[in-house]
Amino acid sequence: MSNFQVDLTNCDIEPIHIPGQIQSHGFLVVIDDEMSIQFHSDNINNFIAPVPDVLIGKSIGHIESLLDQDYQPDQAGS
């Protein structure tokens, strides 16, 4: 076990309370009880190859296979 201590003194100023905002180091995916993708945040294209709403209705495993492709958005189109 590590001796890591959590500092909760600034939780109230974290931007997670702002509706419509996703932190830049991740994306949001909403799935249903059958593990089917129902929604994803617009910034998902920063992490996986550009795919429009093709993901809607697909299994969450589909995203995992796309993440395994090591997509580099800054090199897209070059």
PDB file of N, CA and C in Angstrom:
ATOM      1  N   MET A   1       0.837  -1.184   0.000  1.00  0.00           N
ATOM      2  CA  MET A   1       0.000   0.000   0.000  1.00  0.00           C
ATOM      3  C   MET A   1       0.877   1.241   0.000  1.00  0.00           C
ATOM      4  N   SER A   2       0.460   2.242  -0.731  1.00  0.00           N
ATOM      5  CA  SER A   2       1.200   3.500  -0.734  1.00  0.00           C
ATOM      6  C   SER A   2       0.665   4.404   0.366  1.00  0.00           C
ATOM      7  N   ASN A   3       1.421   5.414   0.677  1.00  0.00           N
ATOM      8  CA  ASN A   3       1.016   6.386   1.689  1.00  0.00           C
ATOM      9  C   ASN A   3       0.391   7.614   1.047  1.00  0.00           C
ATOM     10  N   PHE A   4      -0.194   7.451  -0.120  1.00  0.00           N
ATOM     11  CA  PHE A   4      -0.803   8.556  -0.847  1.00  0.00           C
ATOM     12  C   PHE A   4      -1.978   9.114  -0.056  1.00  0.00           C
ATOM     13  N   GLN A   5      -2.006  10.432   0.106  1.00  0.00           N
ATOM     14  CA  GLN A   5      -3.114  11.080   0.799  1.00  0.00           C
ATOM     15  C   GLN A   5      -3.869  11.967  -0.179  1.00  0.00           C
ATOM     16  N   VAL A   6      -5.153  11.912  -0.098  1.00  0.00           N
ATOM     17  CA  VAL A   6      -6.007  12.707  -0.972  1.00  0.00           C
ATOM     18  C   VAL A   6      -6.230  14.075  -0.345  1.00  0.00           C
ATOM     19  N   ASP A   7      -6.074  15.124  -1.160  1.00  0.00           N
ATOM     20  CA  ASP A   7      -6.316  16.493  -0.705  1.00  0.00           C
ATOM     21  C   ASP A   7      -7.664  16.944  -1.261  1.00  0.00           C
ATOM     22  N   LEU A   8      -8.658  17.018  -0.411  1.00  0.00           N
ATOM     23  CA  LEU A   8     -10.005  17.375  -0.840  1.00  0.00           C
ATOM     24  C   LEU A   8     -10.327  18.848  -0.628  1.00  0.00           C
ATOM     25  N   THR A   9      -9.322  19.652  -0.319  1.00  0.00           N
ATOM     26  CA  THR A   9      -9.579  21.054   0.020  1.00  0.00           C
ATOM     27  C   THR A   9     -10.035  21.893  -1.168  1.00  0.00           C
ATOM     28  N   ASN A  10      -9.746  21.471  -2.390  1.00  0.00           N
ATOM     29  CA  ASN A  10     -10.140  22.285  -3.544  1.00  0.00           C
ATOM     30  C   ASN A  10     -11.183  21.612  -4.436  1.00  0.00           C
ATOM     31  N   CYS A  11     -11.860  20.607  -3.950  1.00  0.00           N
ATOM     32  CA  CYS A  11     -12.870  19.912  -4.764  1.00  0.00           C
ATOM     33  C   CYS A  11     -13.974  20.847  -5.240  1.00  0.00           C
ATOM     34  N   ASP A  12     -14.318  21.820  -4.419  1.00  0.00           N
ATOM     35  CA  ASP A  12     -15.418  22.711  -4.777  1.00  0.00           C
ATOM     36  C   ASP A  12     -15.088  23.650  -5.931  1.00  0.00           C
ATOM     37  N   ILE A  13     -13.810  23.768  -6.302  1.00  0.00           N
ATOM     38  CA  ILE A  13     -13.455  24.640  -7.425  1.00  0.00           C
ATOM     39  C   ILE A  13     -13.106  23.856  -8.696  1.00  0.00           C
ATOM     40  N   GLU A  14     -13.215  22.529  -8.641  1.00  0.00           N
ATOM     41  CA  GLU A  14     -12.978  21.720  -9.834  1.00  0.00           C
ATOM     42  C   GLU A  14     -14.081  22.006 -10.853  1.00  0.00           C
ATOM     43  N   PRO A  15     -13.738  22.082 -12.145  1.00  0.00           N
ATOM     44  CA  PRO A  15     -14.733  22.448 -13.165  1.00  0.00           C
ATOM     45  C   PRO A  15     -15.730  21.344 -13.511  1.00  0.00           C
ATOM     46  N   ILE A  16     -15.717  20.223 -12.786  1.00  0.00           N
ATOM     47  CA  ILE A  16     -16.625  19.127 -13.132  1.00  0.00           C
ATOM     48  C   ILE A  16     -18.086  19.473 -12.898  1.00  0.00           C
ATOM     49  N   HIS A  17     -18.349  20.541 -12.200  1.00  0.00           N
ATOM     50  CA  HIS A  17     -19.733  20.932 -11.935  1.00  0.00           C
ATOM     51  C   HIS A  17     -20.338  21.768 -13.065  1.00  0.00           C
ATOM     52  N   ILE A  18     -19.542  22.073 -14.073  1.00  0.00           N
ATOM     53  CA  ILE A  18     -20.025  22.902 -15.183  1.00  0.00           C
ATOM     54  C   ILE A  18     -20.665  21.987 -16.229  1.00  0.00           C
ATOM     55  N   PRO A  19     -21.987  22.096 -16.415  1.00  0.00           N
ATOM     56  CA  PRO A  19     -22.656  21.234 -17.401  1.00  0.00           C
ATOM     57  C   PRO A  19     -22.101  21.449 -18.807  1.00  0.00           C
ATOM     58  N   GLY A  20     -22.007  20.359 -19.553  1.00  0.00           N
ATOM     59  CA  GLY A  20     -21.570  20.448 -20.938  1.00  0.00           C
ATOM     60  C   GLY A  20     -20.068  20.449 -21.123  1.00  0.00           C
ATOM     61  N   GLN A  21     -19.315  20.264 -20.081  1.00  0.00           N
ATOM     62  CA  GLN A  21     -17.861  20.286 -20.184  1.00  0.00           C
ATOM     63  C   GLN A  21     -17.281  18.905 -19.879  1.00  0.00           C
ATOM     64  N   ILE A  22     -16.395  18.442 -20.741  1.00  0.00           N
ATOM     65  CA  ILE A  22     -15.665  17.197 -20.532  1.00  0.00           C
ATOM     66  C   ILE A  22     -14.202  17.569 -20.391  1.00  0.00           C
ATOM     67  N   GLN A  23     -13.537  17.016 -19.390  1.00  0.00           N
ATOM     68  CA  GLN A  23     -12.120  17.334 -19.205  1.00  0.00           C
ATOM     69  C   GLN A  23     -11.333  16.875 -20.425  1.00  0.00           C
ATOM     70  N   SER A  24     -10.289  17.609 -20.760  1.00  0.00           N
ATOM     71  CA  SER A  24      -9.555  17.394 -22.014  1.00  0.00           C
ATOM     72  C   SER A  24      -8.805  16.066 -22.075  1.00  0.00           C
ATOM     73  N   HIS A  25      -8.609  15.400 -20.960  1.00  0.00           N
ATOM     74  CA  HIS A  25      -7.858  14.143 -20.981  1.00  0.00           C
ATOM     75  C   HIS A  25      -8.761  12.913 -21.077  1.00  0.00           C
ATOM     76  N   GLY A  26     -10.022  13.111 -21.404  1.00  0.00           N
ATOM     77  CA  GLY A  26     -10.937  11.981 -21.519  1.00  0.00           C
ATOM     78  C   GLY A  26     -12.161  12.324 -22.339  1.00  0.00           C
ATOM     79  N   PHE A  27     -13.018  11.331 -22.518  1.00  0.00           N
ATOM     80  CA  PHE A  27     -14.272  11.542 -23.226  1.00  0.00           C
ATOM     81  C   PHE A  27     -15.369  10.789 -22.486  1.00  0.00           C
ATOM     82  N   LEU A  28     -16.608  11.119 -22.801  1.00  0.00           N
ATOM     83  CA  LEU A  28     -17.760  10.530 -22.131  1.00  0.00           C
ATOM     84  C   LEU A  28     -18.487   9.592 -23.079  1.00  0.00           C
ATOM     85  N   VAL A  29     -18.830   8.424 -22.570  1.00  0.00           N
ATOM     86  CA  VAL A  29     -19.623   7.463 -23.326  1.00  0.00           C
ATOM     87  C   VAL A  29     -20.771   7.014 -22.427  1.00  0.00           C
ATOM     88  N   VAL A  30     -21.976   7.033 -22.966  1.00  0.00           N
ATOM     89  CA  VAL A  30     -23.150   6.567 -22.231  1.00  0.00           C
ATOM     90  C   VAL A  30     -23.585   5.247 -22.849  1.00  0.00           C
ATOM     91  N   ILE A  31     -23.719   4.229 -21.995  1.00  0.00           N
ATOM     92  CA  ILE A  31     -24.154   2.915 -22.469  1.00  0.00           C
ATOM     93  C   ILE A  31     -25.447   2.519 -21.756  1.00  0.00           C
ATOM     94  N   ASP A  32     -26.186   1.617 -22.382  1.00  0.00           N
ATOM     95  CA  ASP A  32     -27.397   1.111 -21.754  1.00  0.00           C
ATOM     96  C   ASP A  32     -27.084  -0.190 -21.021  1.00  0.00           C
ATOM     97  N   ASP A  33     -28.119  -0.826 -20.503  1.00  0.00           N
ATOM     98  CA  ASP A  33     -27.908  -2.038 -19.713  1.00  0.00           C
ATOM     99  C   ASP A  33     -27.440  -3.225 -20.545  1.00  0.00           C
ATOM    100  N   GLU A  34     -27.479  -3.103 -21.856  1.00  0.00           N
ATOM    101  CA  GLU A  34     -26.973  -4.160 -22.733  1.00  0.00           C
ATOM    102  C   GLU A  34     -25.579  -3.834 -23.269  1.00  0.00           C
ATOM    103  N   MET A  35     -24.939  -2.807 -22.684  1.00  0.00           N
ATOM    104  CA  MET A  35     -23.587  -2.377 -23.055  1.00  0.00           C
ATOM    105  C   MET A  35     -23.529  -1.799 -24.467  1.00  0.00           C
ATOM    106  N   SER A  36     -24.637  -1.232 -24.910  1.00  0.00           N
ATOM    107  CA  SER A  36     -24.732  -0.588 -26.217  1.00  0.00           C
ATOM    108  C   SER A  36     -24.523   0.910 -26.049  1.00  0.00           C
ATOM    109  N   ILE A  37     -23.732   1.512 -26.916  1.00  0.00           N
ATOM    110  CA  ILE A  37     -23.439   2.942 -26.836  1.00  0.00           C
ATOM    111  C   ILE A  37     -24.683   3.738 -27.232  1.00  0.00           C
ATOM    112  N   GLN A  38     -25.094   4.637 -26.352  1.00  0.00           N
ATOM    113  CA  GLN A  38     -26.259   5.477 -26.604  1.00  0.00           C
ATOM    114  C   GLN A  38     -25.874   6.927 -26.900  1.00  0.00           C
ATOM    115  N   PHE A  39     -24.707   7.350 -26.427  1.00  0.00           N
ATOM    116  CA  PHE A  39     -24.251   8.731 -26.589  1.00  0.00           C
ATOM    117  C   PHE A  39     -22.750   8.768 -26.374  1.00  0.00           C
ATOM    118  N   HIS A  40     -22.086   9.727 -27.010  1.00  0.00           N
ATOM    119  CA  HIS A  40     -20.675   9.993 -26.716  1.00  0.00           C
ATOM    120  C   HIS A  40     -20.435  11.489 -26.840  1.00  0.00           C
ATOM    121  N   SER A  41     -19.445  11.973 -26.117  1.00  0.00           N
ATOM    122  CA  SER A  41     -19.119  13.399 -26.170  1.00  0.00           C
ATOM    123  C   SER A  41     -18.474  13.738 -27.508  1.00  0.00           C
ATOM    124  N   ASP A  42     -18.580  14.997 -27.891  1.00  0.00           N
ATOM    125  CA  ASP A  42     -18.036  15.451 -29.176  1.00  0.00           C
ATOM    126  C   ASP A  42     -16.529  15.283 -29.277  1.00  0.00           C
ATOM    127  N   ASN A  43     -15.828  15.314 -28.147  1.00  0.00           N
ATOM    128  CA  ASN A  43     -14.368  15.244 -28.191  1.00  0.00           C
ATOM    129  C   ASN A  43     -13.833  13.823 -28.334  1.00  0.00           C
ATOM    130  N   ILE A  44     -14.684  12.850 -28.569  1.00  0.00           N
ATOM    131  CA  ILE A  44     -14.224  11.471 -28.726  1.00  0.00           C
ATOM    132  C   ILE A  44     -13.268  11.351 -29.909  1.00  0.00           C
ATOM    133  N   ASN A  45     -13.422  12.229 -30.914  1.00  0.00           N
ATOM    134  CA  ASN A  45     -12.532  12.193 -32.084  1.00  0.00           C
ATOM    135  C   ASN A  45     -11.100  12.589 -31.745  1.00  0.00           C
ATOM    136  N   ASN A  46     -10.870  13.126 -30.552  1.00  0.00           N
ATOM    137  CA  ASN A  46      -9.503  13.417 -30.121  1.00  0.00           C
ATOM    138  C   ASN A  46      -8.779  12.160 -29.654  1.00  0.00           C
ATOM    139  N   PHE A  47      -9.506  11.070 -29.490  1.00  0.00           N
ATOM    140  CA  PHE A  47      -8.924   9.855 -28.930  1.00  0.00           C
ATOM    141  C   PHE A  47      -8.999   8.658 -29.860  1.00  0.00           C
ATOM    142  N   ILE A  48      -9.985   8.633 -30.729  1.00  0.00           N
ATOM    143  CA  ILE A  48     -10.103   7.528 -31.683  1.00  0.00           C
ATOM    144  C   ILE A  48     -10.311   8.118 -33.074  1.00  0.00           C
ATOM    145  N   ALA A  49     -10.034   7.305 -34.086  1.00  0.00           N
ATOM    146  CA  ALA A  49     -10.164   7.773 -35.469  1.00  0.00           C
ATOM    147  C   ALA A  49     -11.519   8.425 -35.661  1.00  0.00           C
ATOM    148  N   PRO A  50     -11.567   9.494 -36.418  1.00  0.00           N
ATOM    149  CA  PRO A  50     -12.835  10.207 -36.591  1.00  0.00           C
ATOM    150  C   PRO A  50     -13.956   9.281 -37.053  1.00  0.00           C
ATOM    151  N   VAL A  51     -14.941   9.175 -36.218  1.00  0.00           N
ATOM    152  CA  VAL A  51     -16.136   8.404 -36.552  1.00  0.00           C
ATOM    153  C   VAL A  51     -17.340   9.217 -36.119  1.00  0.00           C
ATOM    154  N   PRO A  52     -18.243   9.519 -37.047  1.00  0.00           N
ATOM    155  CA  PRO A  52     -19.425  10.277 -36.641  1.00  0.00           C
ATOM    156  C   PRO A  52     -20.307   9.412 -35.746  1.00  0.00           C
ATOM    157  N   ASP A  53     -21.574   9.544 -35.794  1.00  0.00           N
ATOM    158  CA  ASP A  53     -22.453   8.796 -34.901  1.00  0.00           C
ATOM    159  C   ASP A  53     -22.569   7.326 -35.274  1.00  0.00           C
ATOM    160  N   VAL A  54     -21.555   6.815 -35.946  1.00  0.00           N
ATOM    161  CA  VAL A  54     -21.499   5.397 -36.290  1.00  0.00           C
ATOM    162  C   VAL A  54     -21.425   4.550 -35.023  1.00  0.00           C
ATOM    163  N   LEU A  55     -20.908   5.109 -33.950  1.00  0.00           N
ATOM    164  CA  LEU A  55     -20.760   4.360 -32.704  1.00  0.00           C
ATOM    165  C   LEU A  55     -22.091   4.111 -32.003  1.00  0.00           C
ATOM    166  N   ILE A  56     -23.069   4.963 -32.241  1.00  0.00           N
ATOM    167  CA  ILE A  56     -24.355   4.833 -31.565  1.00  0.00           C
ATOM    168  C   ILE A  56     -24.975   3.476 -31.918  1.00  0.00           C
ATOM    169  N   GLY A  57     -25.315   2.715 -30.885  1.00  0.00           N
ATOM    170  CA  GLY A  57     -25.898   1.389 -31.072  1.00  0.00           C
ATOM    171  C   GLY A  57     -24.885   0.261 -31.069  1.00  0.00           C
ATOM    172  N   LYS A  58     -23.604   0.587 -31.205  1.00  0.00           N
ATOM    173  CA  LYS A  58     -22.556  -0.442 -31.189  1.00  0.00           C
ATOM    174  C   LYS A  58     -22.243  -0.858 -29.753  1.00  0.00           C
ATOM    175  N   SER A  59     -21.595  -1.987 -29.608  1.00  0.00           N
ATOM    176  CA  SER A  59     -21.156  -2.472 -28.301  1.00  0.00           C
ATOM    177  C   SER A  59     -19.998  -1.615 -27.796  1.00  0.00           C
ATOM    178  N   ILE A  60     -19.895  -1.467 -26.492  1.00  0.00           N
ATOM    179  CA  ILE A  60     -18.797  -0.699 -25.892  1.00  0.00           C
ATOM    180  C   ILE A  60     -17.442  -1.299 -26.290  1.00  0.00           C
ATOM    181  N   GLY A  61     -17.411  -2.586 -26.576  1.00  0.00           N
ATOM    182  CA  GLY A  61     -16.180  -3.232 -27.021  1.00  0.00           C
ATOM    183  C   GLY A  61     -15.652  -2.664 -28.324  1.00  0.00           C
ATOM    184  N   HIS A  62     -16.534  -2.081 -29.117  1.00  0.00           N
ATOM    185  CA  HIS A  62     -16.111  -1.465 -30.382  1.00  0.00           C
ATOM    186  C   HIS A  62     -15.154  -0.307 -30.113  1.00  0.00           C
ATOM    187  N   ILE A  63     -15.420   0.477 -29.080  1.00  0.00           N
ATOM    188  CA  ILE A  63     -14.528   1.585 -28.725  1.00  0.00           C
ATOM    189  C   ILE A  63     -13.183   1.050 -28.273  1.00  0.00           C
ATOM    190  N   GLU A  64     -13.208  -0.032 -27.511  1.00  0.00           N
ATOM    191  CA  GLU A  64     -11.947  -0.615 -27.049  1.00  0.00           C
ATOM    192  C   GLU A  64     -11.074  -1.028 -28.230  1.00  0.00           C
ATOM    193  N   SER A  65     -11.671  -1.615 -29.244  1.00  0.00           N
ATOM    194  CA  SER A  65     -10.876  -2.018 -30.410  1.00  0.00           C
ATOM    195  C   SER A  65     -10.326  -0.802 -31.149  1.00  0.00           C
ATOM    196  N   LEU A  66     -11.088   0.305 -31.183  1.00  0.00           N
ATOM    197  CA  LEU A  66     -10.597   1.527 -31.820  1.00  0.00           C
ATOM    198  C   LEU A  66      -9.470   2.157 -31.009  1.00  0.00           C
ATOM    199  N   LEU A  67      -9.562   2.105 -29.689  1.00  0.00           N
ATOM    200  CA  LEU A  67      -8.502   2.655 -28.841  1.00  0.00           C
ATOM    201  C   LEU A  67      -7.205   1.877 -29.005  1.00  0.00           C
ATOM    202  N   ASP A  68      -7.314   0.583 -29.277  1.00  0.00           N
ATOM    203  CA  ASP A  68      -6.128  -0.249 -29.470  1.00  0.00           C
ATOM    204  C   ASP A  68      -5.356   0.121 -30.732  1.00  0.00           C
ATOM    205  N   GLN A  69      -5.951   0.917 -31.621  1.00  0.00           N
ATOM    206  CA  GLN A  69      -5.294   1.297 -32.872  1.00  0.00           C
ATOM    207  C   GLN A  69      -4.308   2.440 -32.705  1.00  0.00           C
ATOM    208  N   ASP A  70      -4.171   2.986 -31.498  1.00  0.00           N
ATOM    209  CA  ASP A  70      -3.199   4.043 -31.201  1.00  0.00           C
ATOM    210  C   ASP A  70      -3.337   5.227 -32.151  1.00  0.00           C
ATOM    211  N   TYR A  71      -4.520   5.792 -32.206  1.00  0.00           N
ATOM    212  CA  TYR A  71      -4.828   6.930 -33.072  1.00  0.00           C
ATOM    213  C   TYR A  71      -4.079   8.175 -32.621  1.00  0.00           C
ATOM    214  N   GLN A  72      -3.482   8.906 -33.568  1.00  0.00           N
ATOM    215  CA  GLN A  72      -2.760  10.151 -33.311  1.00  0.00           C
ATOM    216  C   GLN A  72      -3.498  11.279 -34.024  1.00  0.00           C
ATOM    217  N   PRO A  73      -4.383  12.020 -33.324  1.00  0.00           N
ATOM    218  CA  PRO A  73      -5.194  13.030 -34.019  1.00  0.00           C
ATOM    219  C   PRO A  73      -4.393  14.129 -34.692  1.00  0.00           C
ATOM    220  N   ASP A  74      -3.217  14.464 -34.183  1.00  0.00           N
ATOM    221  CA  ASP A  74      -2.414  15.520 -34.799  1.00  0.00           C
ATOM    222  C   ASP A  74      -1.783  15.063 -36.113  1.00  0.00           C
ATOM    223  N   GLN A  75      -1.799  13.755 -36.382  1.00  0.00           N
ATOM    224  CA  GLN A  75      -1.238  13.238 -37.624  1.00  0.00           C
ATOM    225  C   GLN A  75      -2.331  12.855 -38.621  1.00  0.00           C
ATOM    226  N   ALA A  76      -3.596  13.039 -38.236  1.00  0.00           N
ATOM    227  CA  ALA A  76      -4.704  12.677 -39.122  1.00  0.00           C
ATOM    228  C   ALA A  76      -4.667  13.547 -40.374  1.00  0.00           C
ATOM    229  N   GLY A  77      -4.882  12.921 -41.479  1.00  0.00           N
ATOM    230  CA  GLY A  77      -4.921  13.648 -42.742  1.00  0.00           C
ATOM    231  C   GLY A  77      -3.560  13.993 -43.307  1.00  0.00           C
ATOM    232  N   SER A  78      -2.478  13.525 -42.681  1.00  0.00           N
ATOM    233  CA  SER A  78      -1.149  13.827 -43.234  1.00  0.00           C
ATOM    234  C   SER A  78      -0.592  12.650 -43.995  1.00  0.00           C
TER     235      SER A  78
END
